[in-house]
Amino acid sequence: MPIDIKCAKCGGKFRVPDKFAGKKAKCAKCGAPIAIPALDETPAEEPAAQPEATKQAETPAETEPVDKPEWYMQTDDGEEYGPVTRKDLDSWVTDGRIDNTCQILRDGWEQWKWAEDVFPELGGAASESPFEGIGGSSSTSGAATGEVNPFESPAQPTEAAPQAGADGGAITPTITRALAETRPWVMFLSILGFLTGGVVSLMGMFMGLAAVMSGEFIVIIAAAFYVFIAFLYVMASYYLFTYSSKISAFMRGKSTADLENALVAQKSFWKLVGIVTAVCVVLNLLMIVGMMVMGGLAAVMVGSAVP
């Protein structure tokens, strides 16, 4: 039976599973330590009556098997759990081990769904867990003092509080979800870029060997051009790979430093793309102007040659 507790400092009220009776936790509002009373210290309370519609919404459909291990859960850093039953999944939600950064899969579904699509009550702020572990982030210190986090995710440590921005905002679930969906595509493009750069560099090397053997200056120029293009591909792919890696680090720790490093890598990629694009535009303009000048000179020469 859940235990209702109240923070003596700020007056915040929370409810935790009875398996954490006798432990300690930290108030999510003010950070003050809260002692969770033992079961024999907790007065029994009758649960408040709920409207029939609410009960039906919280209860799985009668035709839906709740004891069949056909459900899977994936955390935001890619760790998967399952198969488990629907009852287990509901219990994880109740315990706060699933938030709206997690994804859910059921046998028969074609793709993963966000947890808040399966459990609408998870909509809102990410991991609205009312508790954070106290005594520092070290797991050994928590074990030594008996302090726990009742709502700790199955595969990741307690998350740090969102960092507020200049406008009072924070790292929202939308930001986290957008980065999580961006990461696979960024990684795909970086791998494709590395492969393309390798192929182009091989072409440049073969042309360089042919230039040495033939002594043709134009072949040497072409070989150098291919090597330069391969270098650009590798550099762009490196920035994309770094961007993807930093996104993964951010998804694991929710650190603003990792988010900043990811954005710096993204900036470097777009800066390189911008420079290359500007150079290509300038070269094309020079080529067009050169062709126009050469065409004008040819026309003048032809006109002067006509008697």
C-alpha atoms as a PDB file:
ATOM      1  CA  MET A   1       0.000   0.000   0.000  1.00  0.00           C
ATOM      2  CA  PRO A   2       1.488   3.416  -0.957  1.00  0.00           C
ATOM      3  CA  ILE A   3       2.806   5.625   1.836  1.00  0.00           C
ATOM      4  CA  ASP A   4       1.767   9.286   1.941  1.00  0.00           C
ATOM      5  CA  ILE A   5       4.497  11.575   3.287  1.00  0.00           C
ATOM      6  CA  LYS A   6       4.925  15.311   3.693  1.00  0.00           C
ATOM      7  CA  CYS A   7       8.028  17.501   3.634  1.00  0.00           C
ATOM      8  CA  ALA A   8       8.383  19.309   6.951  1.00  0.00           C
ATOM      9  CA  LYS A   9      10.245  22.207   5.336  1.00  0.00           C
ATOM     10  CA  CYS A  10       8.156  23.186   2.306  1.00  0.00           C
ATOM     11  CA  GLY A  11       4.951  21.244   2.947  1.00  0.00           C
ATOM     12  CA  GLY A  12       5.175  19.225  -0.285  1.00  0.00           C
ATOM     13  CA  LYS A  13       3.123  16.046  -0.273  1.00  0.00           C
ATOM     14  CA  PHE A  14       4.269  12.849  -2.018  1.00  0.00           C
ATOM     15  CA  ARG A  15       3.334   9.183  -2.255  1.00  0.00           C
ATOM     16  CA  VAL A  16       5.839   6.317  -2.483  1.00  0.00           C
ATOM     17  CA  PRO A  17       5.512   2.514  -2.646  1.00  0.00           C
ATOM     18  CA  ASP A  18       5.536   0.744   0.707  1.00  0.00           C
ATOM     19  CA  LYS A  19       8.719  -1.162  -0.191  1.00  0.00           C
ATOM     20  CA  PHE A  20      10.654   2.020   0.677  1.00  0.00           C
ATOM     21  CA  ALA A  21       9.298   2.153   4.213  1.00  0.00           C
ATOM     22  CA  GLY A  22      11.964   3.110   6.759  1.00  0.00           C
ATOM     23  CA  LYS A  23      14.250   4.676   4.137  1.00  0.00           C
ATOM     24  CA  LYS A  24      15.263   8.276   3.461  1.00  0.00           C
ATOM     25  CA  ALA A  25      14.713  10.418   0.386  1.00  0.00           C
ATOM     26  CA  LYS A  26      15.087  14.016  -0.749  1.00  0.00           C
ATOM     27  CA  CYS A  27      12.230  16.424  -1.385  1.00  0.00           C
ATOM     28  CA  ALA A  28      12.063  17.289  -5.079  1.00  0.00           C
ATOM     29  CA  LYS A  29      10.798  20.798  -4.299  1.00  0.00           C
ATOM     30  CA  CYS A  30      13.242  22.092  -1.691  1.00  0.00           C
ATOM     31  CA  GLY A  31      15.840  19.315  -1.385  1.00  0.00           C
ATOM     32  CA  ALA A  32      15.260  18.728   2.319  1.00  0.00           C
ATOM     33  CA  PRO A  33      15.678  15.146   3.561  1.00  0.00           C
ATOM     34  CA  ILE A  34      12.483  13.225   4.287  1.00  0.00           C
ATOM     35  CA  ALA A  35      12.294  10.132   6.489  1.00  0.00           C
ATOM     36  CA  ILE A  36       9.809   7.637   5.069  1.00  0.00           C
ATOM     37  CA  PRO A  37       8.000   6.095   8.054  1.00  0.00           C
ATOM     38  CA  ALA A  38       7.915   2.364   8.621  1.00  0.00           C
ATOM     39  CA  LEU A  39       4.707   0.540   7.794  1.00  0.00           C
ATOM     40  CA  ASP A  40       3.691   0.211  11.430  1.00  0.00           C
ATOM     41  CA  GLU A  41       4.061   3.987  11.817  1.00  0.00           C
ATOM     42  CA  THR A  42       1.837   4.784   8.840  1.00  0.00           C
ATOM     43  CA  PRO A  43      -1.879   5.112   9.588  1.00  0.00           C
ATOM     44  CA  ALA A  44      -4.064   3.108   7.308  1.00  0.00           C
ATOM     45  CA  GLU A  45      -6.146   5.275   5.066  1.00  0.00           C
ATOM     46  CA  GLU A  46      -9.007   4.346   2.847  1.00  0.00           C
ATOM     47  CA  PRO A  47      -8.262   5.281  -0.748  1.00  0.00           C
ATOM     48  CA  ALA A  48     -10.357   8.121  -2.044  1.00  0.00           C
ATOM     49  CA  ALA A  49     -13.263   7.096  -4.183  1.00  0.00           C
ATOM     50  CA  GLN A  50     -12.636   7.556  -7.874  1.00  0.00           C
ATOM     51  CA  PRO A  51     -15.135   8.222 -10.606  1.00  0.00           C
ATOM     52  CA  GLU A  52     -16.029   5.146 -12.588  1.00  0.00           C
ATOM     53  CA  ALA A  53     -14.653   6.722 -15.778  1.00  0.00           C
ATOM     54  CA  THR A  54     -11.273   7.273 -14.120  1.00  0.00           C
ATOM     55  CA  LYS A  55     -11.152   3.675 -12.894  1.00  0.00           C
ATOM     56  CA  GLN A  56     -11.919   2.405 -16.357  1.00  0.00           C
ATOM     57  CA  ALA A  57      -9.204   4.608 -17.851  1.00  0.00           C
ATOM     58  CA  GLU A  58      -6.618   3.292 -15.407  1.00  0.00           C
ATOM     59  CA  THR A  59      -7.615  -0.349 -15.767  1.00  0.00           C
ATOM     60  CA  PRO A  60      -6.463  -2.275 -18.844  1.00  0.00           C
ATOM     61  CA  ALA A  61      -9.202  -3.481 -21.121  1.00  0.00           C
ATOM     62  CA  GLU A  62     -10.726  -6.790 -20.115  1.00  0.00           C
ATOM     63  CA  THR A  63      -9.766  -8.287 -23.455  1.00  0.00           C
ATOM     64  CA  GLU A  64      -6.142  -7.185 -22.981  1.00  0.00           C
ATOM     65  CA  PRO A  65      -3.988  -9.867 -21.317  1.00  0.00           C
ATOM     66  CA  VAL A  66      -2.150  -8.383 -18.348  1.00  0.00           C
ATOM     67  CA  ASP A  67      -0.111 -11.459 -17.458  1.00  0.00           C
ATOM     68  CA  LYS A  68       1.446 -12.153 -20.845  1.00  0.00           C
ATOM     69  CA  PRO A  69       5.149 -11.152 -21.141  1.00  0.00           C
ATOM     70  CA  GLU A  70       4.835  -9.189 -24.370  1.00  0.00           C
ATOM     71  CA  TRP A  71       5.943  -5.690 -23.347  1.00  0.00           C
ATOM     72  CA  TYR A  72       9.359  -4.055 -23.661  1.00  0.00           C
ATOM     73  CA  MET A  73      10.714  -0.786 -22.285  1.00  0.00           C
ATOM     74  CA  GLN A  74      13.649   1.238 -23.642  1.00  0.00           C
ATOM     75  CA  THR A  75      15.314   4.050 -21.698  1.00  0.00           C
ATOM     76  CA  ASP A  76      16.538   7.206 -23.393  1.00  0.00           C
ATOM     77  CA  ASP A  77      20.110   5.889 -23.502  1.00  0.00           C
ATOM     78  CA  GLY A  78      19.098   2.750 -25.433  1.00  0.00           C
ATOM     79  CA  GLU A  79      18.916   0.180 -22.612  1.00  0.00           C
ATOM     80  CA  GLU A  80      16.074  -2.308 -23.144  1.00  0.00           C
ATOM     81  CA  TYR A  81      14.082  -4.304 -20.592  1.00  0.00           C
ATOM     82  CA  GLY A  82      11.651  -7.132 -21.235  1.00  0.00           C
ATOM     83  CA  PRO A  83       9.679  -9.018 -22.094  1.00  0.00           C
ATOM     84  CA  VAL A  84       7.498  -8.208 -19.087  1.00  0.00           C
ATOM     85  CA  THR A  85       3.781  -8.296 -18.387  1.00  0.00           C
ATOM     86  CA  ARG A  86       1.461  -5.321 -18.475  1.00  0.00           C
ATOM     87  CA  LYS A  87       1.201  -5.550 -14.704  1.00  0.00           C
ATOM     88  CA  ASP A  88       4.971  -5.174 -14.433  1.00  0.00           C
ATOM     89  CA  LEU A  89       4.863  -2.210 -16.789  1.00  0.00           C
ATOM     90  CA  ASP A  90       2.086  -0.552 -14.769  1.00  0.00           C
ATOM     91  CA  SER A  91       4.103  -1.139 -11.608  1.00  0.00           C
ATOM     92  CA  TRP A  92       7.164   0.529 -13.154  1.00  0.00           C
ATOM     93  CA  VAL A  93       5.049   3.557 -14.024  1.00  0.00           C
ATOM     94  CA  THR A  94       3.634   3.694 -10.504  1.00  0.00           C
ATOM     95  CA  ASP A  95       7.132   3.461  -9.020  1.00  0.00           C
ATOM     96  CA  GLY A  96       8.360   6.254 -11.287  1.00  0.00           C
ATOM     97  CA  ARG A  97      10.850   4.019 -13.094  1.00  0.00           C
ATOM     98  CA  ILE A  98       9.319   4.997 -16.453  1.00  0.00           C
ATOM     99  CA  ASP A  99       9.031   8.622 -17.573  1.00  0.00           C
ATOM    100  CA  ASN A 100       8.120  10.247 -20.865  1.00  0.00           C
ATOM    101  CA  THR A 101      11.668   9.971 -22.217  1.00  0.00           C
ATOM    102  CA  CYS A 102      11.252   6.164 -22.326  1.00  0.00           C
ATOM    103  CA  GLN A 103       9.751   4.172 -25.187  1.00  0.00           C
ATOM    104  CA  ILE A 104       7.389   1.194 -25.088  1.00  0.00           C
ATOM    105  CA  LEU A 105       7.061  -1.747 -27.496  1.00  0.00           C
ATOM    106  CA  ARG A 106       4.523  -4.549 -27.516  1.00  0.00           C
ATOM    107  CA  ASP A 107       4.618  -7.761 -29.508  1.00  0.00           C
ATOM    108  CA  GLY A 108       2.774  -7.098 -32.744  1.00  0.00           C
ATOM    109  CA  TRP A 109       3.597  -3.394 -32.938  1.00  0.00           C
ATOM    110  CA  GLU A 110       5.643  -2.240 -35.902  1.00  0.00           C
ATOM    111  CA  GLN A 111       7.610   0.392 -33.985  1.00  0.00           C
ATOM    112  CA  TRP A 112       8.330   1.792 -30.542  1.00  0.00           C
ATOM    113  CA  LYS A 113       5.927   4.290 -28.976  1.00  0.00           C
ATOM    114  CA  TRP A 114       6.748   7.022 -26.496  1.00  0.00           C
ATOM    115  CA  ALA A 115       5.750   6.094 -22.964  1.00  0.00           C
ATOM    116  CA  GLU A 116       3.373   9.038 -22.657  1.00  0.00           C
ATOM    117  CA  ASP A 117       1.428   7.718 -25.679  1.00  0.00           C
ATOM    118  CA  VAL A 118       0.817   4.447 -23.816  1.00  0.00           C
ATOM    119  CA  PHE A 119       0.483   6.040 -20.367  1.00  0.00           C
ATOM    120  CA  PRO A 120      -1.095   9.506 -20.811  1.00  0.00           C
ATOM    121  CA  GLU A 121      -0.467  10.304 -17.146  1.00  0.00           C
ATOM    122  CA  LEU A 122       3.243  10.642 -17.992  1.00  0.00           C
ATOM    123  CA  GLY A 123       2.614  13.720 -20.125  1.00  0.00           C
ATOM    124  CA  GLY A 124       4.318  16.891 -18.906  1.00  0.00           C
ATOM    125  CA  ALA A 125       7.747  17.375 -17.408  1.00  0.00           C
ATOM    126  CA  ALA A 126      10.256  14.572 -17.846  1.00  0.00           C
ATOM    127  CA  SER A 127      10.672  12.291 -14.884  1.00  0.00           C
ATOM    128  CA  GLU A 128       8.422  14.178 -12.474  1.00  0.00           C
ATOM    129  CA  SER A 129       9.823  11.980  -9.754  1.00  0.00           C
ATOM    130  CA  PRO A 130       9.294  13.652  -6.358  1.00  0.00           C
ATOM    131  CA  PHE A 131      12.585  12.276  -5.026  1.00  0.00           C
ATOM    132  CA  GLU A 132      16.263  12.551  -5.775  1.00  0.00           C
ATOM    133  CA  GLY A 133      18.869  10.489  -3.930  1.00  0.00           C
ATOM    134  CA  ILE A 134      20.574  12.320  -1.065  1.00  0.00           C
ATOM    135  CA  GLY A 135      24.117  12.071   0.191  1.00  0.00           C
ATOM    136  CA  GLY A 136      25.682  12.885  -3.181  1.00  0.00           C
ATOM    137  CA  SER A 137      25.593  10.981  -6.451  1.00  0.00           C
ATOM    138  CA  SER A 138      27.743   8.130  -5.229  1.00  0.00           C
ATOM    139  CA  SER A 139      25.841   4.880  -4.961  1.00  0.00           C
ATOM    140  CA  THR A 140      28.142   3.630  -2.220  1.00  0.00           C
ATOM    141  CA  SER A 141      27.290   6.521   0.088  1.00  0.00           C
ATOM    142  CA  GLY A 142      23.574   5.856  -0.376  1.00  0.00           C
ATOM    143  CA  ALA A 143      24.053   2.178   0.437  1.00  0.00           C
ATOM    144  CA  ALA A 144      26.011   3.030   3.558  1.00  0.00           C
ATOM    145  CA  THR A 145      23.378   5.418   4.957  1.00  0.00           C
ATOM    146  CA  GLY A 146      20.285   3.552   3.782  1.00  0.00           C
ATOM    147  CA  GLU A 147      19.175   6.488   1.599  1.00  0.00           C
ATOM    148  CA  VAL A 148      17.409   5.549  -1.602  1.00  0.00           C
ATOM    149  CA  ASN A 149      15.644   7.025  -4.582  1.00  0.00           C
ATOM    150  CA  PRO A 150      12.252   5.302  -4.861  1.00  0.00           C
ATOM    151  CA  PHE A 151      11.779   6.445  -8.438  1.00  0.00           C
ATOM    152  CA  GLU A 152      15.223   5.660  -9.892  1.00  0.00           C
ATOM    153  CA  SER A 153      15.113   4.495 -13.524  1.00  0.00           C
ATOM    154  CA  PRO A 154      16.044   0.822 -14.041  1.00  0.00           C
ATOM    155  CA  ALA A 155      19.133   1.540 -16.132  1.00  0.00           C
ATOM    156  CA  GLN A 156      20.373   4.982 -15.235  1.00  0.00           C
ATOM    157  CA  PRO A 157      21.374   6.992 -12.159  1.00  0.00           C
ATOM    158  CA  THR A 158      19.264   9.713 -10.663  1.00  0.00           C
ATOM    159  CA  GLU A 159      19.021  12.591 -13.098  1.00  0.00           C
ATOM    160  CA  ALA A 160      20.183  16.045 -12.170  1.00  0.00           C
ATOM    161  CA  ALA A 161      17.612  18.800 -11.963  1.00  0.00           C
ATOM    162  CA  PRO A 162      16.974  20.598 -15.274  1.00  0.00           C
ATOM    163  CA  GLN A 163      19.207  23.593 -15.864  1.00  0.00           C
ATOM    164  CA  ALA A 164      17.275  26.826 -16.184  1.00  0.00           C
ATOM    165  CA  GLY A 165      18.029  29.125 -19.100  1.00  0.00           C
ATOM    166  CA  ALA A 166      18.186  32.907 -19.247  1.00  0.00           C
ATOM    167  CA  ASP A 167      14.453  33.053 -19.939  1.00  0.00           C
ATOM    168  CA  GLY A 168      13.651  30.770 -17.010  1.00  0.00           C
ATOM    169  CA  GLY A 169      13.207  27.721 -19.251  1.00  0.00           C
ATOM    170  CA  ALA A 170      14.803  24.316 -18.822  1.00  0.00           C
ATOM    171  CA  ILE A 171      15.841  21.235 -20.755  1.00  0.00           C
ATOM    172  CA  THR A 172      12.350  20.056 -21.622  1.00  0.00           C
ATOM    173  CA  PRO A 173      11.191  16.603 -22.743  1.00  0.00           C
ATOM    174  CA  THR A 174      10.707  18.038 -26.235  1.00  0.00           C
ATOM    175  CA  ILE A 175      14.403  18.956 -26.413  1.00  0.00           C
ATOM    176  CA  THR A 176      15.416  15.514 -25.181  1.00  0.00           C
ATOM    177  CA  ARG A 177      13.103  13.765 -27.606  1.00  0.00           C
ATOM    178  CA  ALA A 178      14.260  15.882 -30.581  1.00  0.00           C
ATOM    179  CA  LEU A 179      17.898  15.053 -29.850  1.00  0.00           C
ATOM    180  CA  ALA A 180      17.093  11.365 -29.385  1.00  0.00           C
ATOM    181  CA  GLU A 181      15.400  11.255 -32.797  1.00  0.00           C
ATOM    182  CA  THR A 182      18.191  13.282 -34.436  1.00  0.00           C
ATOM    183  CA  ARG A 183      21.073  11.105 -33.213  1.00  0.00           C
ATOM    184  CA  PRO A 184      20.495   8.031 -35.492  1.00  0.00           C
ATOM    185  CA  TRP A 185      20.360  10.183 -38.624  1.00  0.00           C
ATOM    186  CA  VAL A 186      23.469  12.117 -37.652  1.00  0.00           C
ATOM    187  CA  MET A 187      25.337   8.858 -37.029  1.00  0.00           C
ATOM    188  CA  PHE A 188      24.125   7.468 -40.375  1.00  0.00           C
ATOM    189  CA  LEU A 189      25.355  10.545 -42.271  1.00  0.00           C
ATOM    190  CA  SER A 190      28.717  10.470 -40.495  1.00  0.00           C
ATOM    191  CA  ILE A 191      29.301   6.805 -41.399  1.00  0.00           C
ATOM    192  CA  LEU A 192      28.214   7.456 -44.986  1.00  0.00           C
ATOM    193  CA  GLY A 193      30.581  10.439 -45.142  1.00  0.00           C
ATOM    194  CA  PHE A 194      33.532   8.402 -43.857  1.00  0.00           C
ATOM    195  CA  LEU A 195      32.867   5.721 -46.495  1.00  0.00           C
ATOM    196  CA  THR A 196      32.534   8.306 -49.267  1.00  0.00           C
ATOM    197  CA  GLY A 197      35.730  10.037 -48.160  1.00  0.00           C
ATOM    198  CA  GLY A 198      37.569   6.705 -48.218  1.00  0.00           C
ATOM    199  CA  VAL A 199      36.376   5.900 -51.735  1.00  0.00           C
ATOM    200  CA  VAL A 200      37.282   9.368 -53.041  1.00  0.00           C
ATOM    201  CA  SER A 201      40.715   9.233 -51.414  1.00  0.00           C
ATOM    202  CA  LEU A 202      41.390   5.869 -53.092  1.00  0.00           C
ATOM    203  CA  MET A 203      40.419   7.391 -56.431  1.00  0.00           C
ATOM    204  CA  GLY A 204      42.831  10.255 -55.780  1.00  0.00           C
ATOM    205  CA  MET A 205      45.641   7.838 -54.899  1.00  0.00           C
ATOM    206  CA  PHE A 206      45.124   5.805 -58.079  1.00  0.00           C
ATOM    207  CA  MET A 207      45.073   8.980 -60.162  1.00  0.00           C
ATOM    208  CA  GLY A 208      48.246  10.137 -58.421  1.00  0.00           C
ATOM    209  CA  LEU A 209      49.989   6.879 -59.355  1.00  0.00           C
ATOM    210  CA  ALA A 210      48.776   7.282 -62.923  1.00  0.00           C
ATOM    211  CA  ALA A 211      50.099  10.860 -62.957  1.00  0.00           C
ATOM    212  CA  VAL A 212      53.524   9.731 -61.759  1.00  0.00           C
ATOM    213  CA  MET A 213      53.676   7.071 -64.427  1.00  0.00           C
ATOM    214  CA  SER A 214      52.395   9.283 -67.238  1.00  0.00           C
ATOM    215  CA  GLY A 215      53.857  12.599 -66.151  1.00  0.00           C
ATOM    216  CA  GLU A 216      50.656  14.406 -67.170  1.00  0.00           C
ATOM    217  CA  PHE A 217      50.245  17.650 -65.224  1.00  0.00           C
ATOM    218  CA  ILE A 218      46.475  17.708 -65.620  1.00  0.00           C
ATOM    219  CA  VAL A 219      46.222  14.246 -64.026  1.00  0.00           C
ATOM    220  CA  ILE A 220      48.268  15.457 -61.068  1.00  0.00           C
ATOM    221  CA  ILE A 221      45.867  18.383 -60.603  1.00  0.00           C
ATOM    222  CA  ALA A 222      42.879  16.023 -60.755  1.00  0.00           C
ATOM    223  CA  ALA A 223      44.458  13.658 -58.211  1.00  0.00           C
ATOM    224  CA  ALA A 224      45.124  16.541 -55.813  1.00  0.00           C
ATOM    225  CA  PHE A 225      41.527  17.706 -56.233  1.00  0.00           C
ATOM    226  CA  TYR A 226      40.155  14.277 -55.327  1.00  0.00           C
ATOM    227  CA  VAL A 227      42.370  14.081 -52.234  1.00  0.00           C
ATOM    228  CA  PHE A 228      41.159  17.523 -51.143  1.00  0.00           C
ATOM    229  CA  ILE A 229      37.509  16.519 -51.604  1.00  0.00           C
ATOM    230  CA  ALA A 230      38.136  13.361 -49.553  1.00  0.00           C
ATOM    231  CA  PHE A 231      39.638  15.510 -46.783  1.00  0.00           C
ATOM    232  CA  LEU A 232      36.501  17.679 -46.700  1.00  0.00           C
ATOM    233  CA  TYR A 233      34.266  14.602 -46.473  1.00  0.00           C
ATOM    234  CA  VAL A 234      36.299  13.177 -43.598  1.00  0.00           C
ATOM    235  CA  MET A 235      36.302  16.480 -41.695  1.00  0.00           C
ATOM    236  CA  ALA A 236      32.533  16.917 -42.062  1.00  0.00           C
ATOM    237  CA  SER A 237      31.947  13.297 -41.048  1.00  0.00           C
ATOM    238  CA  TYR A 238      34.167  13.737 -37.990  1.00  0.00           C
ATOM    239  CA  TYR A 239      32.108  16.711 -36.804  1.00  0.00           C
ATOM    240  CA  LEU A 240      28.877  14.741 -37.338  1.00  0.00           C
ATOM    241  CA  PHE A 241      30.267  11.732 -35.476  1.00  0.00           C
ATOM    242  CA  THR A 242      31.278  13.983 -32.569  1.00  0.00           C
ATOM    243  CA  TYR A 243      27.841  15.569 -32.588  1.00  0.00           C
ATOM    244  CA  SER A 244      26.179  12.141 -32.388  1.00  0.00           C
ATOM    245  CA  SER A 245      28.518  10.968 -29.604  1.00  0.00           C
ATOM    246  CA  LYS A 246      27.852  14.069 -27.521  1.00  0.00           C
ATOM    247  CA  ILE A 247      24.107  13.599 -27.969  1.00  0.00           C
ATOM    248  CA  SER A 248      24.502  10.062 -26.594  1.00  0.00           C
ATOM    249  CA  ALA A 249      26.454  11.419 -23.623  1.00  0.00           C
ATOM    250  CA  PHE A 250      23.747  14.007 -22.997  1.00  0.00           C
ATOM    251  CA  MET A 251      20.993  11.385 -23.143  1.00  0.00           C
ATOM    252  CA  ARG A 252      22.800   9.326 -20.519  1.00  0.00           C
ATOM    253  CA  GLY A 253      23.583  12.071 -18.024  1.00  0.00           C
ATOM    254  CA  LYS A 254      21.325  15.019 -18.998  1.00  0.00           C
ATOM    255  CA  SER A 255      24.351  17.263 -18.457  1.00  0.00           C
ATOM    256  CA  THR A 256      24.258  20.751 -19.948  1.00  0.00           C
ATOM    257  CA  ALA A 257      28.009  20.440 -20.591  1.00  0.00           C
ATOM    258  CA  ASP A 258      27.390  17.472 -22.930  1.00  0.00           C
ATOM    259  CA  LEU A 259      24.581  19.389 -24.618  1.00  0.00           C
ATOM    260  CA  GLU A 260      26.932  22.341 -25.108  1.00  0.00           C
ATOM    261  CA  ASN A 261      29.637  20.085 -26.601  1.00  0.00           C
ATOM    262  CA  ALA A 262      27.068  18.587 -28.982  1.00  0.00           C
ATOM    263  CA  LEU A 263      26.014  22.038 -30.183  1.00  0.00           C
ATOM    264  CA  VAL A 264      29.666  23.087 -30.629  1.00  0.00           C
ATOM    265  CA  ALA A 265      30.273  20.039 -32.846  1.00  0.00           C
ATOM    266  CA  GLN A 266      27.123  20.872 -34.810  1.00  0.00           C
ATOM    267  CA  LYS A 267      28.339  24.462 -35.214  1.00  0.00           C
ATOM    268  CA  SER A 268      31.704  23.242 -36.555  1.00  0.00           C
ATOM    269  CA  PHE A 269      29.941  21.063 -39.120  1.00  0.00           C
ATOM    270  CA  TRP A 270      27.752  23.875 -40.424  1.00  0.00           C
ATOM    271  CA  LYS A 271      30.680  26.280 -40.413  1.00  0.00           C
ATOM    272  CA  LEU A 272      32.632  23.892 -42.652  1.00  0.00           C
ATOM    273  CA  VAL A 273      29.619  23.459 -44.927  1.00  0.00           C
ATOM    274  CA  GLY A 274      29.181  27.243 -45.102  1.00  0.00           C
ATOM    275  CA  ILE A 275      32.835  27.865 -45.995  1.00  0.00           C
ATOM    276  CA  VAL A 276      32.855  25.201 -48.713  1.00  0.00           C
ATOM    277  CA  THR A 277      29.573  26.522 -50.120  1.00  0.00           C
ATOM    278  CA  ALA A 278      30.879  30.108 -50.180  1.00  0.00           C
ATOM    279  CA  VAL A 279      34.073  29.006 -51.957  1.00  0.00           C
ATOM    280  CA  CYS A 280      32.070  27.061 -54.539  1.00  0.00           C
ATOM    281  CA  VAL A 281      29.803  30.077 -55.173  1.00  0.00           C
ATOM    282  CA  VAL A 282      32.808  32.377 -55.636  1.00  0.00           C
ATOM    283  CA  LEU A 283      34.520  29.937 -58.007  1.00  0.00           C
ATOM    284  CA  ASN A 284      31.349  29.580 -60.064  1.00  0.00           C
ATOM    285  CA  LEU A 285      30.961  33.354 -60.281  1.00  0.00           C
ATOM    286  CA  LEU A 286      34.585  33.720 -61.374  1.00  0.00           C
ATOM    287  CA  MET A 287      34.066  31.012 -63.976  1.00  0.00           C
ATOM    288  CA  ILE A 288      30.950  32.749 -65.318  1.00  0.00           C
ATOM    289  CA  VAL A 289      32.725  36.120 -65.449  1.00  0.00           C
ATOM    290  CA  GLY A 290      35.747  34.533 -67.129  1.00  0.00           C
ATOM    291  CA  MET A 291      33.561  32.874 -69.745  1.00  0.00           C
ATOM    292  CA  MET A 292      31.779  36.157 -70.423  1.00  0.00           C
ATOM    293  CA  VAL A 293      35.095  38.012 -70.782  1.00  0.00           C
ATOM    294  CA  MET A 294      36.508  35.349 -73.069  1.00  0.00           C
ATOM    295  CA  GLY A 295      33.307  35.377 -75.127  1.00  0.00           C
ATOM    296  CA  GLY A 296      33.497  39.164 -75.450  1.00  0.00           C
ATOM    297  CA  LEU A 297      37.141  39.069 -76.529  1.00  0.00           C
ATOM    298  CA  ALA A 298      36.387  36.362 -79.066  1.00  0.00           C
ATOM    299  CA  ALA A 299      33.536  38.444 -80.485  1.00  0.00           C
ATOM    300  CA  VAL A 300      35.813  41.495 -80.778  1.00  0.00           C
ATOM    301  CA  MET A 301      38.505  39.490 -82.499  1.00  0.00           C
ATOM    302  CA  VAL A 302      36.009  37.972 -84.934  1.00  0.00           C
ATOM    303  CA  GLY A 303      34.546  41.407 -85.642  1.00  0.00           C
ATOM    304  CA  SER A 304      37.943  42.962 -86.307  1.00  0.00           C
ATOM    305  CA  ALA A 305      38.883  40.119 -88.610  1.00  0.00           C
ATOM    306  CA  VAL A 306      35.828  40.701 -90.857  1.00  0.00           C
ATOM    307  CA  PRO A 307      36.750  43.108 -93.753  1.00  0.00           C
END
